[in-house]
Protein backbone atom coordinates (compact mmCIF):
# COMPACT_ATOMS: atom_id res chain seq x y z
CA MET A 1 26.07 24.45 8.67
CA THR A 2 28.26 22.62 11.17
CA ALA A 3 25.81 19.92 12.27
CA ALA A 4 23.63 17.35 10.56
CA ALA A 5 20.64 15.11 11.23
CA ILE A 6 21.30 11.65 9.79
CA PHE A 7 18.43 9.22 9.17
CA ASP A 8 18.30 5.56 8.23
CA LEU A 9 15.45 4.60 5.86
CA ASP A 10 13.85 1.19 6.49
CA ARG A 11 12.15 0.77 9.90
CA THR A 12 13.13 4.34 10.71
CA LEU A 13 11.66 6.84 8.26
CA ILE A 14 9.18 4.17 7.17
CA LEU A 15 7.89 1.31 9.33
CA GLY A 16 8.67 -1.54 6.97
CA SER A 17 10.99 -2.42 4.14
CA SER A 18 11.26 -0.36 0.97
CA ALA A 19 12.64 -3.36 -1.00
CA PRO A 20 9.27 -4.84 -2.13
CA VAL A 21 8.11 -1.43 -3.40
CA PHE A 22 11.30 -0.87 -5.41
CA ALA A 23 11.17 -4.45 -6.74
CA ARG A 24 7.59 -4.09 -7.93
CA HIS A 25 8.20 -0.82 -9.76
CA LEU A 26 11.36 -2.19 -11.39
CA HIS A 27 9.38 -5.22 -12.53
CA GLU A 28 6.68 -2.98 -14.01
CA ALA A 29 9.46 -1.18 -15.89
CA GLY A 30 10.62 -4.51 -17.34
CA LEU A 31 13.54 -5.04 -14.94
CA GLY A 32 14.03 -7.82 -12.39
CA SER A 33 11.63 -10.43 -11.13
CA GLY A 34 9.50 -8.07 -9.05
CA GLY A 35 10.39 -9.93 -5.87
CA GLN A 36 8.26 -12.93 -6.85
CA SER A 37 10.43 -15.37 -4.89
CA PRO A 38 8.33 -17.42 -2.42
CA LEU A 39 10.83 -16.41 0.27
CA MET A 40 10.43 -12.68 -0.30
CA GLU A 41 7.26 -12.18 1.75
CA PRO A 42 8.38 -14.10 4.89
CA LEU A 43 11.84 -12.49 4.75
CA VAL A 44 10.32 -9.02 4.56
CA LYS A 45 7.98 -9.84 7.44
CA ILE A 46 10.87 -11.05 9.58
CA PHE A 47 12.79 -7.86 8.77
CA GLU A 48 9.84 -5.63 9.64
CA LEU A 49 9.40 -7.36 13.01
CA PHE A 50 12.97 -8.04 14.07
CA GLY A 51 15.21 -5.85 11.92
CA GLU A 52 18.38 -6.54 9.94
CA SER A 53 20.39 -9.75 10.05
CA TRP A 54 23.92 -10.44 8.88
CA THR A 55 22.73 -13.15 6.46
CA ALA A 56 20.14 -10.94 4.77
CA MET A 57 22.63 -8.11 4.33
CA GLN A 58 25.14 -10.39 2.60
CA ALA A 59 22.43 -11.16 0.06
CA ALA A 60 21.85 -7.40 -0.34
CA ARG A 61 25.57 -6.95 -0.95
CA LEU A 62 25.30 -9.19 -4.02
CA PHE A 63 22.18 -7.48 -5.36
CA ALA A 64 24.19 -5.09 -7.55
CA SER A 65 25.20 -8.03 -9.79
CA THR A 66 21.57 -8.61 -10.78
CA ALA A 67 21.38 -5.06 -12.16
CA LYS A 68 24.04 -5.68 -14.81
CA GLY A 69 22.84 -4.20 -18.09
CA TRP A 70 19.92 -2.27 -16.60
CA PRO A 71 19.46 1.16 -18.26
CA VAL A 72 20.19 3.94 -15.78
CA ASP A 73 17.32 6.14 -16.96
CA THR A 74 14.80 3.27 -16.67
CA VAL A 75 15.89 2.60 -13.09
CA GLN A 76 15.62 6.29 -12.26
CA ALA A 77 12.08 6.47 -13.66
CA ALA A 78 11.05 3.40 -11.64
CA ALA A 79 12.61 4.89 -8.51
CA CYS A 80 10.61 8.09 -8.98
CA GLU A 81 7.39 6.07 -9.18
CA ALA A 82 8.37 4.08 -6.09
CA ALA A 83 9.13 7.30 -4.20
CA GLN A 84 5.55 8.52 -4.65
CA GLU A 85 4.25 5.30 -3.12
CA LEU A 86 6.77 5.31 -0.28
CA LEU A 87 5.88 8.89 0.65
CA ILE A 88 2.51 7.62 1.83
CA THR A 89 4.21 5.17 4.21
CA VAL A 90 6.52 7.71 5.86
CA CYS A 91 5.93 7.71 9.63
CA GLY A 92 3.63 10.47 10.83
CA PHE A 93 6.13 12.28 13.03
CA VAL A 94 8.91 12.35 10.41
CA PRO A 95 7.88 15.56 8.60
CA GLN A 96 7.72 17.49 11.88
CA LEU A 97 11.08 16.12 13.03
CA LEU A 98 12.72 16.99 9.72
CA GLU A 99 11.31 20.49 9.94
CA GLU A 100 12.67 20.92 13.47
CA HIS A 101 16.18 20.06 12.30
CA ARG A 102 15.78 22.22 9.21
CA ARG A 103 14.78 25.23 11.33
CA ALA A 104 17.76 24.59 13.60
CA GLY A 105 20.05 24.90 10.56
CA ARG A 106 21.15 21.25 10.44
CA ARG A 107 21.90 19.48 7.16
CA LEU A 108 19.48 16.60 6.51
CA VAL A 109 21.12 13.37 5.39
CA MET A 110 19.63 10.00 4.49
CA ALA A 111 22.15 7.23 5.21
CA THR A 112 21.01 3.82 3.99
CA THR A 113 22.32 0.54 2.62
CA SER A 114 19.79 0.71 -0.23
CA PRO A 115 21.16 1.64 -3.68
CA TYR A 116 21.58 5.38 -4.21
CA ALA A 117 19.68 5.14 -7.50
CA PHE A 118 16.62 3.83 -5.65
CA VAL A 119 16.46 6.23 -2.71
CA GLN A 120 17.60 9.53 -4.19
CA PRO A 121 14.12 10.53 -5.53
CA LEU A 122 12.54 9.74 -2.15
CA ALA A 123 15.20 11.74 -0.29
CA GLU A 124 14.61 14.69 -2.61
CA ALA A 125 10.83 14.50 -2.12
CA LEU A 126 11.32 14.57 1.67
CA GLY A 127 13.64 17.57 1.48
CA PHE A 128 16.93 15.87 2.39
CA ASP A 129 20.10 17.76 1.50
CA ASP A 130 22.30 14.72 0.87
CA VAL A 131 22.22 10.95 0.52
CA VAL A 132 24.86 8.51 1.73
CA ALA A 133 24.03 5.17 0.11
CA THR A 134 25.47 2.21 -1.77
CA ALA A 135 26.37 3.35 -5.30
CA TRP A 136 26.23 1.15 -8.37
CA ALA A 137 28.90 1.48 -11.04
CA GLN A 138 27.62 2.52 -14.48
CA GLU A 139 29.10 2.75 -17.94
CA ASP A 140 27.60 4.00 -21.20
CA GLY A 141 24.19 4.55 -19.56
CA VAL A 142 23.85 1.06 -18.05
CA TYR A 143 24.82 -0.49 -14.73
CA THR A 144 27.87 -2.78 -14.76
CA GLY A 145 26.74 -5.09 -11.94
CA LYS A 146 29.43 -3.84 -9.55
CA VAL A 147 29.39 -1.57 -6.50
CA ASP A 148 31.09 1.78 -6.91
CA GLY A 149 32.73 2.48 -3.56
CA PRO A 150 31.89 0.96 -0.14
CA PHE A 151 28.90 -1.20 0.69
CA VAL A 152 27.11 1.22 3.05
CA TRP A 153 26.20 -1.10 5.91
CA GLY A 154 27.42 -1.55 9.47
CA ARG A 155 31.01 -0.38 9.79
CA GLY A 156 30.91 0.65 6.13
CA LYS A 157 28.00 3.03 6.79
CA ARG A 158 29.78 4.64 9.72
CA MET A 159 32.91 5.18 7.63
CA ALA A 160 30.89 6.53 4.68
CA VAL A 161 29.12 9.04 6.94
CA GLN A 162 32.42 10.08 8.50
CA ALA A 163 33.90 10.65 5.04
CA TRP A 164 30.85 12.66 4.01
CA ALA A 165 31.03 14.75 7.20
CA LYS A 166 34.71 15.51 6.64
CA GLU A 167 34.02 16.59 3.07
CA HIS A 168 31.18 18.91 4.13
CA HIS A 169 32.86 20.23 7.31
CA ILE A 170 30.21 18.70 9.57
CA VAL A 171 30.95 18.22 13.27
CA LEU A 172 29.49 14.81 14.13
CA ARG A 173 29.67 15.47 17.87
CA GLU A 174 27.15 18.25 17.32
CA SER A 175 25.00 16.11 15.02
CA PHE A 176 21.99 13.82 15.41
CA ALA A 177 21.48 10.28 14.10
CA TYR A 178 18.41 8.02 13.94
CA SER A 179 18.39 4.29 13.20
CA ASP A 180 16.61 1.07 14.09
CA SER A 181 19.51 -1.34 13.64
CA PHE A 182 22.09 -2.73 16.06
CA PHE A 183 24.46 -2.75 13.08
CA ASP A 184 24.25 1.07 13.09
CA ALA A 185 25.40 1.26 16.71
CA GLY A 186 28.81 2.47 15.57
CA LEU A 187 27.25 5.32 13.62
CA LEU A 188 24.98 6.24 16.54
CA ALA A 189 27.97 6.29 18.91
CA THR A 190 29.82 8.64 16.56
CA VAL A 191 27.32 11.50 16.84
CA GLY A 192 26.60 13.63 19.86
CA HIS A 193 22.84 13.01 19.83
CA PRO A 194 21.93 9.40 18.92
CA THR A 195 18.35 8.12 18.93
CA ALA A 196 17.25 4.51 18.57
CA VAL A 197 14.11 4.53 16.42
CA ASN A 198 11.87 1.46 16.48
CA PRO A 199 14.99 -0.44 17.63
CA ASP A 200 15.61 -4.13 17.13
CA ALA A 201 16.09 -6.15 20.32
CA ARG A 202 19.86 -5.73 20.56
CA LEU A 203 19.79 -2.01 19.84
CA ALA A 204 17.02 -1.54 22.41
CA VAL A 205 19.21 -3.13 25.08
CA LEU A 206 22.25 -1.12 24.01
CA ALA A 207 20.28 2.13 23.93
CA THR A 208 18.96 1.47 27.44
CA LEU A 209 22.45 0.75 28.78
CA ARG A 210 23.93 3.84 27.15
CA GLY A 211 21.02 6.12 27.95
CA TRP A 212 20.14 6.81 24.32
CA PRO A 213 16.57 7.98 23.68
CA ILE A 214 14.22 5.42 22.14
CA ARG A 215 11.50 6.66 19.79
CA HIS A 216 8.89 5.39 17.38
CA LEU A 217 8.33 7.97 14.68
CA ASP A 218 4.86 6.61 13.90
CA LYS A 219 3.73 7.24 17.50
CA SER A 220 3.87 10.06 20.03
CA PRO A 221 7.06 10.39 22.09
CA GLY A 222 7.02 8.09 25.12
CA VAL A 223 4.82 5.40 23.57
CA VAL A 224 6.21 1.93 24.26
CA LYS A 225 6.06 -0.65 21.48
CA ILE A 226 6.69 -4.37 21.81
CA VAL A 227 7.46 -6.35 18.64
CA GLY A 228 6.11 -3.52 16.52
CA ARG A 229 2.84 -2.98 18.41
CA GLU A 230 2.02 -0.45 21.09
CA LEU A 231 0.53 -1.46 24.43
CA GLN A 232 -3.02 -0.43 23.51
CA ASP A 233 -2.88 -2.88 20.61
CA TRP A 234 -1.62 -5.70 22.81
CA PHE A 235 -4.33 -5.06 25.42
CA ARG A 236 -7.14 -4.90 22.85
CA PRO A 237 -8.04 -8.64 22.93
CA VAL A 238 -8.67 -8.48 26.69
CA ASN A 239 -10.12 -4.96 26.75
CA ARG A 240 -13.65 -6.16 26.11
CA PRO A 241 -16.97 -5.04 27.69
CA GLU A 242 -18.04 -8.57 28.60
CA LEU A 243 -14.95 -9.03 30.77
CA TRP A 244 -16.06 -6.30 33.19
CA PRO A 245 -18.22 -8.02 35.86
CA ASN A 246 -19.50 -4.82 37.49
CA ALA A 247 -20.98 -3.03 34.48
CA ARG A 248 -22.89 -3.47 31.25
CA PHE A 249 -22.01 -1.36 28.22
CA GLU A 250 -24.08 -0.11 25.30
CA PHE A 251 -22.33 1.54 22.33
CA ASP A 252 -23.89 3.70 19.65
CA GLY A 253 -22.44 5.64 16.71
CA LEU A 254 -19.09 3.82 16.48
CA HIS A 255 -18.98 4.62 12.77
CA ASN A 256 -18.43 8.29 13.64
CA ILE A 257 -14.88 7.57 14.80
CA PRO A 258 -12.69 7.78 11.68
CA ALA A 259 -10.88 4.58 10.71
CA ASP A 260 -7.67 6.53 10.13
CA GLY A 261 -6.34 10.06 10.34
CA SER A 262 -6.51 12.57 13.16
CA ALA A 263 -9.50 13.39 15.34
CA ILE A 264 -10.20 14.91 18.75
CA VAL A 265 -12.49 12.64 20.78
CA VAL A 266 -14.19 14.66 23.53
CA PHE A 267 -16.29 13.17 26.31
CA ASN A 268 -18.20 14.46 29.34
CA HIS A 269 -16.69 13.68 32.74
CA ARG A 270 -18.86 11.91 35.33
CA SER A 271 -16.63 9.55 37.31
CA TYR A 272 -13.28 7.85 37.72
CA PHE A 273 -14.70 5.03 35.57
CA ASP A 274 -14.89 7.27 32.48
CA SER A 275 -11.38 6.26 31.38
CA VAL A 276 -12.47 2.62 31.29
CA ALA A 277 -15.53 3.46 29.18
CA VAL A 278 -13.56 5.56 26.69
CA GLY A 279 -10.80 2.94 26.59
CA LEU A 280 -13.38 0.30 25.64
CA LEU A 281 -14.71 2.65 22.97
CA MET A 282 -11.23 3.08 21.47
CA SER A 283 -10.71 -0.68 21.57
CA ARG A 284 -14.00 -1.29 19.78
CA SER A 285 -13.09 1.30 17.14
CA GLY A 286 -9.72 -0.36 16.44
CA ARG A 287 -7.87 2.91 17.06
CA THR A 288 -5.32 3.94 19.65
CA ALA A 289 -5.53 7.36 21.29
CA ARG A 290 -3.47 9.84 23.26
CA PHE A 291 -5.32 10.80 26.44
CA LEU A 292 -4.91 14.15 28.13
CA GLY A 293 -4.93 13.57 31.87
CA LYS A 294 -4.32 15.55 35.03
CA LYS A 295 -0.85 15.50 36.54
CA GLU A 296 -2.02 13.59 39.64
CA VAL A 297 -2.48 10.49 37.45
CA PHE A 298 0.95 10.79 35.83
CA ASP A 299 2.66 11.48 39.16
CA ALA A 300 1.22 8.36 40.81
CA PRO A 301 3.63 5.40 41.16
CA LEU A 302 3.23 2.69 38.51
CA VAL A 303 -0.02 4.20 37.19
CA GLY A 304 1.86 7.25 35.94
CA GLN A 305 4.52 5.15 34.24
CA LEU A 306 1.82 3.10 32.53
CA ALA A 307 0.01 6.27 31.43
CA ARG A 308 3.23 7.56 29.81
CA ALA A 309 3.89 4.21 28.13
CA PHE A 310 0.40 4.41 26.62
CA GLY A 311 1.25 7.84 25.24
CA GLY A 312 -0.74 9.92 27.71
CA ILE A 313 -0.23 13.69 27.85
CA ARG A 314 0.28 15.19 31.31
CA VAL A 315 -1.75 18.31 32.08
CA VAL A 316 -1.17 20.68 34.98
CA ARG A 317 -4.60 22.24 35.38
CA ALA A 318 -4.90 26.02 35.73
CA SER A 319 -1.17 26.43 35.03
CA GLY A 320 -1.79 28.34 31.81
CA SER A 321 0.90 26.28 30.05
CA ASP A 322 0.43 25.56 26.35
CA GLU A 323 2.80 22.57 26.47
CA PRO A 324 0.05 19.89 26.70
CA LEU A 325 -1.85 21.48 23.82
CA GLU A 326 1.32 21.62 21.70
CA ALA A 327 2.00 17.92 22.41
CA ALA A 328 -1.59 17.04 21.50
CA ALA A 329 -1.44 19.17 18.34
CA THR A 330 1.77 17.41 17.32
CA ALA A 331 0.06 14.03 17.72
CA LEU A 332 -2.90 15.22 15.66
CA ARG A 333 -0.69 16.52 12.85
CA ALA A 334 0.89 13.06 12.72
CA GLY A 335 -2.54 11.47 12.21
CA GLU A 336 -3.23 10.23 15.74
CA LEU A 337 -6.38 10.40 17.86
CA VAL A 338 -6.46 12.60 20.95
CA ALA A 339 -9.05 11.98 23.69
CA MET A 340 -9.93 14.55 26.34
CA ALA A 341 -12.67 15.76 28.70
CA PRO A 342 -13.28 19.48 28.06
CA GLN A 343 -14.66 19.85 31.60
CA GLY A 344 -11.18 19.06 32.91
CA THR A 345 -12.46 17.40 36.08
CA ILE A 346 -15.64 15.83 37.44
CA PRO A 347 -18.24 18.48 38.39
CA ARG A 348 -19.18 18.61 42.06
CA GLY A 349 -22.36 19.34 43.91
CA PRO A 350 -25.25 20.97 41.99
CA ALA A 351 -22.96 21.45 38.97
CA PHE A 352 -22.90 17.68 38.49
CA PHE A 353 -26.64 17.73 37.75
CA ASP A 354 -26.64 20.85 35.60
CA PRO A 355 -28.06 20.00 32.14
CA VAL A 356 -25.82 22.71 30.66
CA LEU A 357 -22.24 21.43 30.53
CA LYS A 358 -19.41 23.91 31.06
CA GLY A 359 -16.04 23.36 29.45
CA ARG A 360 -12.65 24.87 28.91
CA TRP A 361 -11.44 25.81 25.46
CA GLY A 362 -8.64 23.24 25.03
CA ALA A 363 -10.54 21.12 22.51
CA ALA A 364 -11.59 24.18 20.51
CA ARG A 365 -8.02 25.46 20.40
CA LEU A 366 -6.71 22.04 19.37
CA ALA A 367 -9.21 21.87 16.53
CA ALA A 368 -8.18 25.32 15.31
CA MET A 369 -4.46 24.51 15.62
CA SER A 370 -4.58 21.14 13.84
CA GLY A 371 -7.67 21.19 11.63
CA ALA A 372 -8.71 17.86 13.15
CA PRO A 373 -12.44 17.09 13.51
CA VAL A 374 -13.98 17.04 17.00
CA ILE A 375 -15.98 13.88 17.75
CA PRO A 376 -18.39 14.15 20.74
CA VAL A 377 -18.87 11.12 23.01
CA GLY A 378 -21.64 11.15 25.60
CA LEU A 379 -21.08 8.99 28.71
CA TRP A 380 -23.90 8.09 31.05
CA GLY A 381 -24.03 5.84 34.10
CA THR A 382 -20.32 5.60 34.90
CA GLU A 383 -20.92 7.22 38.30
CA GLN A 384 -23.02 4.20 39.23
CA VAL A 385 -19.85 2.10 39.09
CA TRP A 386 -17.37 4.52 40.62
CA PRO A 387 -18.87 7.65 42.20
CA ARG A 388 -16.67 10.59 43.18
CA ASN A 389 -17.06 9.92 46.92
CA SER A 390 -15.68 6.37 46.67
CA ARG A 391 -12.01 5.45 46.73
CA PHE A 392 -12.70 2.24 44.82
CA PRO A 393 -15.23 1.11 42.20
CA LYS A 394 -18.33 -0.77 43.27
CA LEU A 395 -18.20 -4.50 42.57
CA ASP A 396 -21.84 -5.32 43.30
CA GLY A 397 -24.48 -4.94 40.62
CA ARG A 398 -24.10 -4.34 36.88
CA PRO A 399 -25.49 -0.89 36.02
CA LEU A 400 -25.87 0.04 32.36
CA ILE A 401 -23.33 2.47 30.92
CA THR A 402 -24.20 4.10 27.61
CA ILE A 403 -21.50 5.40 25.28
CA SER A 404 -22.86 7.41 22.36
CA VAL A 405 -20.66 8.81 19.59
CA GLY A 406 -21.96 11.72 17.56
CA PRO A 407 -20.94 13.15 14.19
CA PRO A 408 -18.13 15.75 13.97
CA VAL A 409 -18.99 19.11 15.50
CA LEU A 410 -19.20 21.99 13.03
CA LEU A 411 -16.79 24.66 14.31
CA PRO A 412 -16.45 28.05 12.54
CA HIS A 413 -13.15 28.77 14.39
CA HIS A 414 -14.07 32.42 14.84
CA SER A 415 -13.98 32.27 18.63
CA ASP A 416 -12.72 29.77 21.23
CA ASP A 417 -15.73 30.64 23.35
CA ASP A 418 -18.29 29.94 20.63
CA ASP A 419 -16.52 26.77 19.49
CA THR A 420 -16.36 25.46 23.06
CA ALA A 421 -20.06 26.15 23.54
CA ARG A 422 -20.80 24.20 20.34
CA ILE A 423 -18.68 21.29 21.58
CA MET A 424 -20.44 21.17 24.95
CA ASP A 425 -23.86 21.36 23.26
CA ALA A 426 -22.85 18.45 21.02
CA LEU A 427 -21.88 16.43 24.09
CA VAL A 428 -25.24 17.11 25.74
CA ALA A 429 -26.97 15.97 22.54
CA GLN A 430 -25.35 12.53 22.97
CA LEU A 431 -26.76 12.06 26.49
CA PRO A 432 -30.12 10.45 27.30
CA PRO A 433 -33.23 12.67 27.75
CA GLU A 434 -33.02 12.67 31.56
CA ALA A 435 -29.61 14.39 31.34
CA ARG A 436 -31.25 17.42 29.76
CA VAL A 437 -33.87 17.92 32.48
CA ARG A 438 -33.10 20.26 35.38
CA ARG A 439 -33.96 18.72 38.74
CA ALA A 440 -33.16 19.06 42.42
CA PRO A 441 -30.84 16.21 43.53
CA SER A 442 -31.23 14.50 46.88
CA GLU A 443 -28.71 14.95 49.68
CA ALA A 444 -27.35 11.46 49.02
CA GLU A 445 -26.92 12.21 45.34
CA LEU A 446 -25.11 15.46 46.13
CA ALA A 447 -22.84 13.72 48.64
CA ALA A 448 -21.78 11.19 45.99
CA THR A 449 -20.34 13.98 43.82
CA PHE A 450 -17.72 15.09 46.36
CA PRO A 451 -14.34 13.44 47.03
CA PRO A 452 -13.97 11.44 50.25
CA GLY A 453 -13.45 13.74 53.22
CA TYR A 454 -14.51 16.86 51.32
CA LYS A 455 -14.15 19.96 53.54
CA GLY A 456 -14.91 22.73 51.05
CA ASP A 457 -17.72 25.22 50.89
CA VAL A 458 -20.63 23.59 49.07
CA THR A 459 -22.19 26.97 48.29
CA MET A 460 -19.17 27.92 46.19
CA GLU A 461 -19.33 24.86 43.93
CA ALA A 462 -21.58 26.61 41.42
CA SER A 463 -18.83 29.13 40.70
CA ARG A 464 -16.07 26.60 40.18
CA ARG A 465 -14.13 27.13 36.97
CA PRO A 466 -14.27 24.11 34.64
CA GLY A 467 -11.21 21.93 35.03
CA THR A 468 -10.16 23.14 38.48
CA ASP A 469 -10.40 21.83 42.02
CA ALA A 470 -10.70 25.32 43.51
CA ALA A 471 -13.83 27.41 43.54
CA GLN A 472 -13.55 30.72 41.76
CA VAL A 473 -13.59 33.46 44.40
CA ALA A 474 -11.64 36.28 42.79
CA GLY A 475 -12.85 36.45 39.23
CA PRO A 476 -11.52 34.66 36.14
CA THR A 477 -7.82 34.16 35.46
CA PRO A 478 -6.18 34.01 32.01
CA ALA A 479 -6.64 30.23 32.06
CA THR A 480 -10.36 30.50 32.81
CA THR A 481 -12.76 29.35 30.16
CA ARG A 482 -14.92 32.02 28.64
CA ALA A 483 -17.21 29.53 26.96
CA THR A 484 -20.21 29.22 29.21
CA LYS A 485 -21.64 31.39 31.96
CA VAL A 486 -21.82 29.69 35.36
CA VAL A 487 -25.39 30.09 36.66
CA THR A 488 -25.78 33.84 35.95
CA LYS A 489 -23.42 36.79 36.17
CA LYS A 490 -25.52 38.34 38.91
CA THR A 491 -25.49 35.16 41.02
CA VAL A 492 -21.76 34.73 40.66
CA ALA A 493 -21.14 38.39 41.49
CA LYS A 494 -23.13 38.10 44.71
CA LYS A 495 -21.24 34.99 45.76
CA VAL A 496 -17.88 36.47 44.93
CA VAL A 497 -18.64 39.56 47.04
CA ALA A 498 -19.95 37.41 49.87
CA LYS A 499 -16.84 35.22 49.94
CA LYS A 500 -14.15 37.73 49.14
CA VAL A 501 -11.58 37.81 51.93
CA SER A 502 -10.19 41.20 52.93
CA PRO A 503 -6.59 41.61 54.08
CA LYS A 504 -6.03 41.93 57.81
CA ARG A 505 -5.98 45.51 59.13
CA SER A 506 -4.90 47.00 62.41
CA PRO A 507 -7.61 48.22 64.90
CA ALA A 508 -6.65 51.84 64.14
CA LYS A 509 -7.13 51.37 60.40
CA LYS A 510 -10.45 49.62 61.01
CA ALA A 511 -11.66 52.53 63.11
CA ALA A 512 -10.55 55.05 60.48
CA ALA A 513 -12.33 53.10 57.79
CA THR A 514 -15.51 53.01 59.85
CA ARG A 515 -15.41 56.79 60.44
CA SER A 516 -14.90 57.46 56.74
CA LYS A 517 -18.04 55.60 55.69
CA PRO A 518 -20.99 57.88 54.81
CA ARG A 519 -24.03 57.53 57.00
CA ALA A 520 -27.20 56.11 55.51
């Protein structure tokens, strides 16, 4: 190995401070005060929100003196117990990131100011190869109250890592480093691939100026957090149904959205207002979600930047790329929610009124890849606020929008087609009775389902592949869903033949072709 991946602990691998956990387990082992100082809780809170301070770290420097006379084996046992508790608090994207570096052949190193005796069991449980940490001197099986070697903080941490790298023949310019603290800026500048993780204010500014990536290992890449909270959390107090003057909302089945852990929230697509309805649902549930959206949204000025900051996943429809699914699967493995419309786009023409919903197999594949449950959400009435043929939502009237959440869909995972059909059936089950009745729409109703200035062939809309803006005229492609038949095979075949365009031929070739045809 010639390269390493170096990780800080507090506010990097875990969101908060490990100190209270270590203090409590030491206290239970009969050592220390258990952090019962009245200042402990506010100091920890300040650290979790704003990061390290010079004053707090000077107090940490003196902590070794309080351990004088502590039995080494008792401290080790307490640290092992603390490690099991801290494992639960490790940020969701950490295991995947560690595995990426491990597969790339990089040595995994935890570099932290915390005492080596405390963090070594946690580092071992996470699969780290080495630990660079503050060491306590010991003699005859007890700690002496002194530090053995450098205090691994700030400049001392950078020098300790450099010494470790020299000893293990590691090239730091080929290595990666992750930290939240401005005081680790020197260490980050030493490696070839620095990343500011959950950075404090000063490190965030420095990272921006130097072009260093900024990440939050508890959230999907690209999610913006402000003072420890992502934008969806900050918007939640104002993202309320009663604040929308042009619609009324009715929610049902909120309890079906899990309070924590991964899930795939699927919803039927009826209008541009669907994102508002699902956003309100997420806000009511107390969860944040990663939305899969078409590239046109992400490529739009300002709107696209906001979508990325919220953690949206850009999808290029009909491209056949697995990249969006991989990003969504990564978010699910980290315990996040993913929200998507299996239809891919709003149905047009007669398809909009079809009681049988057609979908692509993205949700089914995600469920099979991640093991996450699929939660169906039925939307009804959103087209009354913002129909497809309008460039802007209607501001007059307050139509009722119903949002119904069903229980997880049972998926055998034997076939993407069968699983997709089950998902679409579950969505239909969450819609009101009138959605399941086949009827002939009026001309005005049909017109409302097409984009402004629509010039396409209305007769071909029934054969449109789910999730595309182009009618299917030449048979399915590899990216085509196989889940649900569109109308009937015979009907589609007739339309395909009727609309198939032949290549241009010269007059001579046309005449030859005519002569070669058998007479009736």
